[in-house]
Amino acid sequence: MNAPNGNGFILGIIIVAGVFLFMVHSCEDQAQQTEVSQQEQTDEQKQQAEEAAKDKADKEAQSLEDAKTDKANSARWNITVEQARTARESLDDAYASCVVELKNSAKYDYKSDWMPNYSWFSDGPGIIIHGRDVHLQNSFGAYAGGYICKYNIAKKEVLNVIVDTEE
């Protein structure tokens, strides 16, 4: 039998040591990646929590502002705060319904401004909108530029539309 070759033995030890170091390095990389991944998740959770808190604060601020507006409008229009709140919440539907009704009532043609231009108030059960953003054409081809629309909040319907023919 031959005695073990010293060079082969050393080569074997070097290979085993290299595999061991590779495995240790691999485990360290995996641990670092896990740590980085956990840190990213924690950062993302913190960011989501901060955004949620900011959204909540914004909603509370908007709610307080809406309450102040409703109180001021109720005093100005001599209606209850609840009626003022309901009117504010129904305004978008009222405006859209009034514009549709106005356009449907055109005998000849109409044109709309690209940006809404109206003022409004509430008498309690309804909303009155005075607008200058939809223009109806008369029999001479000129466009009248104003309208007044009465909207019933409870029935969610337009009661009447009056077109200002003076413009």
C-alpha atoms as a PDB file:
ATOM      1  CA  MET A   1       0.000   0.000   0.000  1.00  0.00           C
ATOM      2  CA  ASN A   2       1.052   3.409  -0.731  1.00  0.00           C
ATOM      3  CA  ALA A   3       1.306   6.007   1.923  1.00  0.00           C
ATOM      4  CA  PRO A   4      -1.076   8.916   1.552  1.00  0.00           C
ATOM      5  CA  ASN A   5       0.260  11.625  -0.635  1.00  0.00           C
ATOM      6  CA  GLY A   6       0.762  14.838   1.345  1.00  0.00           C
ATOM      7  CA  ASN A   7      -0.273  17.027  -1.579  1.00  0.00           C
ATOM      8  CA  GLY A   8      -3.628  15.241  -2.064  1.00  0.00           C
ATOM      9  CA  PHE A   9      -4.397  15.460   1.627  1.00  0.00           C
ATOM     10  CA  ILE A  10      -3.714  19.200   1.675  1.00  0.00           C
ATOM     11  CA  LEU A  11      -5.776  19.660  -1.485  1.00  0.00           C
ATOM     12  CA  GLY A  12      -8.679  17.810   0.164  1.00  0.00           C
ATOM     13  CA  ILE A  13      -8.461  19.998   3.254  1.00  0.00           C
ATOM     14  CA  ILE A  14      -8.426  23.122   1.071  1.00  0.00           C
ATOM     15  CA  ILE A  15     -11.524  21.929  -0.815  1.00  0.00           C
ATOM     16  CA  VAL A  16     -13.383  21.128   2.416  1.00  0.00           C
ATOM     17  CA  ALA A  17     -12.367  24.501   3.871  1.00  0.00           C
ATOM     18  CA  GLY A  18     -13.496  26.260   0.680  1.00  0.00           C
ATOM     19  CA  VAL A  19     -16.893  24.508   0.762  1.00  0.00           C
ATOM     20  CA  PHE A  20     -17.231  25.365   4.467  1.00  0.00           C
ATOM     21  CA  LEU A  21     -16.381  29.049   3.843  1.00  0.00           C
ATOM     22  CA  PHE A  22     -18.811  29.167   0.905  1.00  0.00           C
ATOM     23  CA  MET A  23     -21.600  27.750   3.090  1.00  0.00           C
ATOM     24  CA  VAL A  24     -20.825  30.181   5.912  1.00  0.00           C
ATOM     25  CA  HIS A  25     -20.755  33.106   3.473  1.00  0.00           C
ATOM     26  CA  SER A  26     -24.003  31.892   1.907  1.00  0.00           C
ATOM     27  CA  CYS A  27     -25.667  31.745   5.319  1.00  0.00           C
ATOM     28  CA  GLU A  28     -24.427  35.240   6.155  1.00  0.00           C
ATOM     29  CA  ASP A  29     -25.808  36.580   2.829  1.00  0.00           C
ATOM     30  CA  GLN A  30     -29.143  34.914   3.476  1.00  0.00           C
ATOM     31  CA  ALA A  31     -29.260  36.364   6.998  1.00  0.00           C
ATOM     32  CA  GLN A  32     -28.434  39.830   5.652  1.00  0.00           C
ATOM     33  CA  GLN A  33     -31.108  39.515   2.966  1.00  0.00           C
ATOM     34  CA  THR A  34     -33.657  38.436   5.555  1.00  0.00           C
ATOM     35  CA  GLU A  35     -32.672  41.343   7.787  1.00  0.00           C
ATOM     36  CA  VAL A  36     -32.942  43.800   4.875  1.00  0.00           C
ATOM     37  CA  SER A  37     -36.304  42.318   3.852  1.00  0.00           C
ATOM     38  CA  GLN A  38     -37.619  42.622   7.417  1.00  0.00           C
ATOM     39  CA  GLN A  39     -36.370  46.215   7.602  1.00  0.00           C
ATOM     40  CA  GLU A  40     -38.102  47.055   4.311  1.00  0.00           C
ATOM     41  CA  GLN A  41     -41.342  45.502   5.573  1.00  0.00           C
ATOM     42  CA  THR A  42     -41.072  47.461   8.809  1.00  0.00           C
ATOM     43  CA  ASP A  43     -40.394  50.685   6.907  1.00  0.00           C
ATOM     44  CA  GLU A  44     -43.359  50.005   4.611  1.00  0.00           C
ATOM     45  CA  GLN A  45     -45.622  49.311   7.598  1.00  0.00           C
ATOM     46  CA  LYS A  46     -44.472  52.538   9.252  1.00  0.00           C
ATOM     47  CA  GLN A  47     -45.151  54.468   6.050  1.00  0.00           C
ATOM     48  CA  GLN A  48     -48.630  52.935   5.713  1.00  0.00           C
ATOM     49  CA  ALA A  49     -49.394  53.751   9.345  1.00  0.00           C
ATOM     50  CA  GLU A  50     -48.215  57.355   8.843  1.00  0.00           C
ATOM     51  CA  GLU A  51     -50.341  57.696   5.683  1.00  0.00           C
ATOM     52  CA  ALA A  52     -53.379  56.258   7.478  1.00  0.00           C
ATOM     53  CA  ALA A  53     -52.892  58.679  10.373  1.00  0.00           C
ATOM     54  CA  LYS A  54     -52.513  61.601   7.945  1.00  0.00           C
ATOM     55  CA  ASP A  55     -55.641  60.558   6.025  1.00  0.00           C
ATOM     56  CA  LYS A  56     -57.573  60.288   9.280  1.00  0.00           C
ATOM     57  CA  ALA A  57     -56.385  63.732  10.380  1.00  0.00           C
ATOM     58  CA  ASP A  58     -57.287  65.192   6.964  1.00  0.00           C
ATOM     59  CA  LYS A  59     -60.763  63.666   7.131  1.00  0.00           C
ATOM     60  CA  GLU A  60     -61.295  65.001  10.642  1.00  0.00           C
ATOM     61  CA  ALA A  61     -60.149  68.469   9.557  1.00  0.00           C
ATOM     62  CA  GLN A  62     -62.460  68.341   6.520  1.00  0.00           C
ATOM     63  CA  SER A  63     -65.311  67.176   8.724  1.00  0.00           C
ATOM     64  CA  LEU A  64     -64.758  70.107  11.093  1.00  0.00           C
ATOM     65  CA  GLU A  65     -64.583  72.526   8.158  1.00  0.00           C
ATOM     66  CA  ASP A  66     -67.799  71.069   6.705  1.00  0.00           C
ATOM     67  CA  ALA A  67     -69.523  71.417  10.078  1.00  0.00           C
ATOM     68  CA  LYS A  68     -68.497  75.089  10.289  1.00  0.00           C
ATOM     69  CA  THR A  69     -69.709  75.684   6.719  1.00  0.00           C
ATOM     70  CA  ASP A  70     -73.025  73.950   7.438  1.00  0.00           C
ATOM     71  CA  LYS A  71     -73.544  76.019  10.579  1.00  0.00           C
ATOM     72  CA  ALA A  72     -72.791  79.269   8.722  1.00  0.00           C
ATOM     73  CA  ASN A  73     -75.059  78.326   5.816  1.00  0.00           C
ATOM     74  CA  SER A  74     -77.909  77.359   8.146  1.00  0.00           C
ATOM     75  CA  ALA A  75     -77.720  80.772   9.806  1.00  0.00           C
ATOM     76  CA  ARG A  76     -77.459  82.592   6.466  1.00  0.00           C
ATOM     77  CA  TRP A  77     -80.348  80.712   4.838  1.00  0.00           C
ATOM     78  CA  ASN A  78     -82.528  80.372   7.956  1.00  0.00           C
ATOM     79  CA  ILE A  79     -82.651  76.569   7.810  1.00  0.00           C
ATOM     80  CA  THR A  80     -81.456  73.854  10.185  1.00  0.00           C
ATOM     81  CA  VAL A  81     -77.851  72.661  10.242  1.00  0.00           C
ATOM     82  CA  GLU A  82     -79.054  69.206   9.154  1.00  0.00           C
ATOM     83  CA  GLN A  83     -80.811  70.726   6.123  1.00  0.00           C
ATOM     84  CA  ALA A  84     -77.641  72.656   5.253  1.00  0.00           C
ATOM     85  CA  ARG A  85     -75.545  69.467   5.509  1.00  0.00           C
ATOM     86  CA  THR A  86     -78.002  67.512   3.358  1.00  0.00           C
ATOM     87  CA  ALA A  87     -77.997  70.312   0.780  1.00  0.00           C
ATOM     88  CA  ARG A  88     -74.183  70.399   0.654  1.00  0.00           C
ATOM     89  CA  GLU A  89     -74.023  66.625   0.236  1.00  0.00           C
ATOM     90  CA  SER A  90     -76.693  66.702  -2.520  1.00  0.00           C
ATOM     91  CA  LEU A  91     -75.200  69.610  -4.464  1.00  0.00           C
ATOM     92  CA  ASP A  92     -73.288  67.546  -7.036  1.00  0.00           C
ATOM     93  CA  ASP A  93     -76.375  65.493  -7.910  1.00  0.00           C
ATOM     94  CA  ALA A  94     -78.491  68.635  -8.060  1.00  0.00           C
ATOM     95  CA  TYR A  95     -76.064  70.423 -10.390  1.00  0.00           C
ATOM     96  CA  ALA A  96     -75.738  67.427 -12.715  1.00  0.00           C
ATOM     97  CA  SER A  97     -79.520  66.951 -12.846  1.00  0.00           C
ATOM     98  CA  CYS A  98     -80.086  70.635 -13.549  1.00  0.00           C
ATOM     99  CA  VAL A  99     -77.576  70.688 -16.412  1.00  0.00           C
ATOM    100  CA  VAL A 100     -79.135  67.584 -17.989  1.00  0.00           C
ATOM    101  CA  GLU A 101     -82.632  69.068 -17.663  1.00  0.00           C
ATOM    102  CA  LEU A 102     -81.441  72.371 -19.100  1.00  0.00           C
ATOM    103  CA  LYS A 103     -79.778  70.725 -22.100  1.00  0.00           C
ATOM    104  CA  ASN A 104     -82.875  68.586 -22.723  1.00  0.00           C
ATOM    105  CA  SER A 105     -85.049  71.709 -22.751  1.00  0.00           C
ATOM    106  CA  ALA A 106     -83.025  73.394 -25.526  1.00  0.00           C
ATOM    107  CA  LYS A 107     -85.182  74.095 -28.577  1.00  0.00           C
ATOM    108  CA  TYR A 108     -82.274  74.705 -30.931  1.00  0.00           C
ATOM    109  CA  ASP A 109     -78.779  74.177 -29.596  1.00  0.00           C
ATOM    110  CA  TYR A 110     -76.711  74.673 -26.482  1.00  0.00           C
ATOM    111  CA  LYS A 111     -73.095  75.035 -25.525  1.00  0.00           C
ATOM    112  CA  SER A 112     -71.390  74.490 -22.197  1.00  0.00           C
ATOM    113  CA  ASP A 113     -68.418  76.198 -20.659  1.00  0.00           C
ATOM    114  CA  TRP A 114     -65.598  73.827 -19.859  1.00  0.00           C
ATOM    115  CA  MET A 115     -65.682  74.818 -16.207  1.00  0.00           C
ATOM    116  CA  PRO A 116     -68.804  74.950 -13.993  1.00  0.00           C
ATOM    117  CA  ASN A 117     -69.858  78.477 -13.075  1.00  0.00           C
ATOM    118  CA  TYR A 118     -72.735  78.654 -10.621  1.00  0.00           C
ATOM    119  CA  SER A 119     -73.817  79.771  -7.196  1.00  0.00           C
ATOM    120  CA  TRP A 120     -76.319  78.021  -4.998  1.00  0.00           C
ATOM    121  CA  PHE A 121     -78.336  78.157  -1.814  1.00  0.00           C
ATOM    122  CA  SER A 122     -80.886  76.001  -0.050  1.00  0.00           C
ATOM    123  CA  ASP A 123     -84.361  76.804   1.135  1.00  0.00           C
ATOM    124  CA  GLY A 124     -84.467  73.635   3.264  1.00  0.00           C
ATOM    125  CA  PRO A 125     -86.210  70.993   1.172  1.00  0.00           C
ATOM    126  CA  GLY A 126     -84.545  72.094  -2.050  1.00  0.00           C
ATOM    127  CA  ILE A 127     -81.497  73.587  -3.706  1.00  0.00           C
ATOM    128  CA  ILE A 128     -81.620  76.612  -5.981  1.00  0.00           C
ATOM    129  CA  ILE A 129     -78.786  76.901  -8.490  1.00  0.00           C
ATOM    130  CA  HIS A 130     -78.061  80.053 -10.469  1.00  0.00           C
ATOM    131  CA  GLY A 131     -75.701  79.161 -13.279  1.00  0.00           C
ATOM    132  CA  ARG A 132     -73.861  80.868 -16.114  1.00  0.00           C
ATOM    133  CA  ASP A 133     -72.085  77.887 -17.645  1.00  0.00           C
ATOM    134  CA  VAL A 134     -74.714  76.438 -20.039  1.00  0.00           C
ATOM    135  CA  HIS A 135     -75.933  78.625 -22.882  1.00  0.00           C
ATOM    136  CA  LEU A 136     -79.112  77.891 -24.861  1.00  0.00           C
ATOM    137  CA  GLN A 137     -79.529  79.152 -28.407  1.00  0.00           C
ATOM    138  CA  ASN A 138     -82.600  81.227 -29.235  1.00  0.00           C
ATOM    139  CA  SER A 139     -84.464  81.445 -32.563  1.00  0.00           C
ATOM    140  CA  PHE A 140     -82.124  84.206 -33.785  1.00  0.00           C
ATOM    141  CA  GLY A 141     -78.996  82.123 -33.209  1.00  0.00           C
ATOM    142  CA  ALA A 142     -77.823  84.000 -30.135  1.00  0.00           C
ATOM    143  CA  TYR A 143     -76.955  82.173 -26.949  1.00  0.00           C
ATOM    144  CA  ALA A 144     -78.596  83.042 -23.624  1.00  0.00           C
ATOM    145  CA  GLY A 145     -76.191  82.571 -20.790  1.00  0.00           C
ATOM    146  CA  GLY A 146     -77.970  82.171 -17.484  1.00  0.00           C
ATOM    147  CA  TYR A 147     -80.376  79.844 -15.758  1.00  0.00           C
ATOM    148  CA  ILE A 148     -82.023  79.204 -12.426  1.00  0.00           C
ATOM    149  CA  CYS A 149     -82.798  75.649 -11.400  1.00  0.00           C
ATOM    150  CA  LYS A 150     -84.843  74.373  -8.452  1.00  0.00           C
ATOM    151  CA  TYR A 151     -83.978  70.858  -7.236  1.00  0.00           C
ATOM    152  CA  ASN A 152     -85.920  68.803  -4.671  1.00  0.00           C
ATOM    153  CA  ILE A 153     -83.465  66.987  -2.385  1.00  0.00           C
ATOM    154  CA  ALA A 154     -85.902  64.375  -1.024  1.00  0.00           C
ATOM    155  CA  LYS A 155     -87.299  63.356  -4.430  1.00  0.00           C
ATOM    156  CA  LYS A 156     -83.936  63.837  -6.175  1.00  0.00           C
ATOM    157  CA  GLU A 157     -85.558  65.579  -9.104  1.00  0.00           C
ATOM    158  CA  VAL A 158     -85.512  68.922 -10.862  1.00  0.00           C
ATOM    159  CA  LEU A 159     -88.677  70.901 -10.156  1.00  0.00           C
ATOM    160  CA  ASN A 160     -88.152  73.627 -12.750  1.00  0.00           C
ATOM    161  CA  VAL A 161     -85.557  75.415 -14.846  1.00  0.00           C
ATOM    162  CA  ILE A 162     -85.808  79.062 -15.850  1.00  0.00           C
ATOM    163  CA  VAL A 163     -83.559  80.338 -18.646  1.00  0.00           C
ATOM    164  CA  ASP A 164     -82.378  83.933 -18.539  1.00  0.00           C
ATOM    165  CA  THR A 165     -83.135  85.276 -22.012  1.00  0.00           C
ATOM    166  CA  GLU A 166     -81.709  88.750 -21.359  1.00  0.00           C
ATOM    167  CA  GLU A 167     -78.115  87.880 -22.178  1.00  0.00           C
END
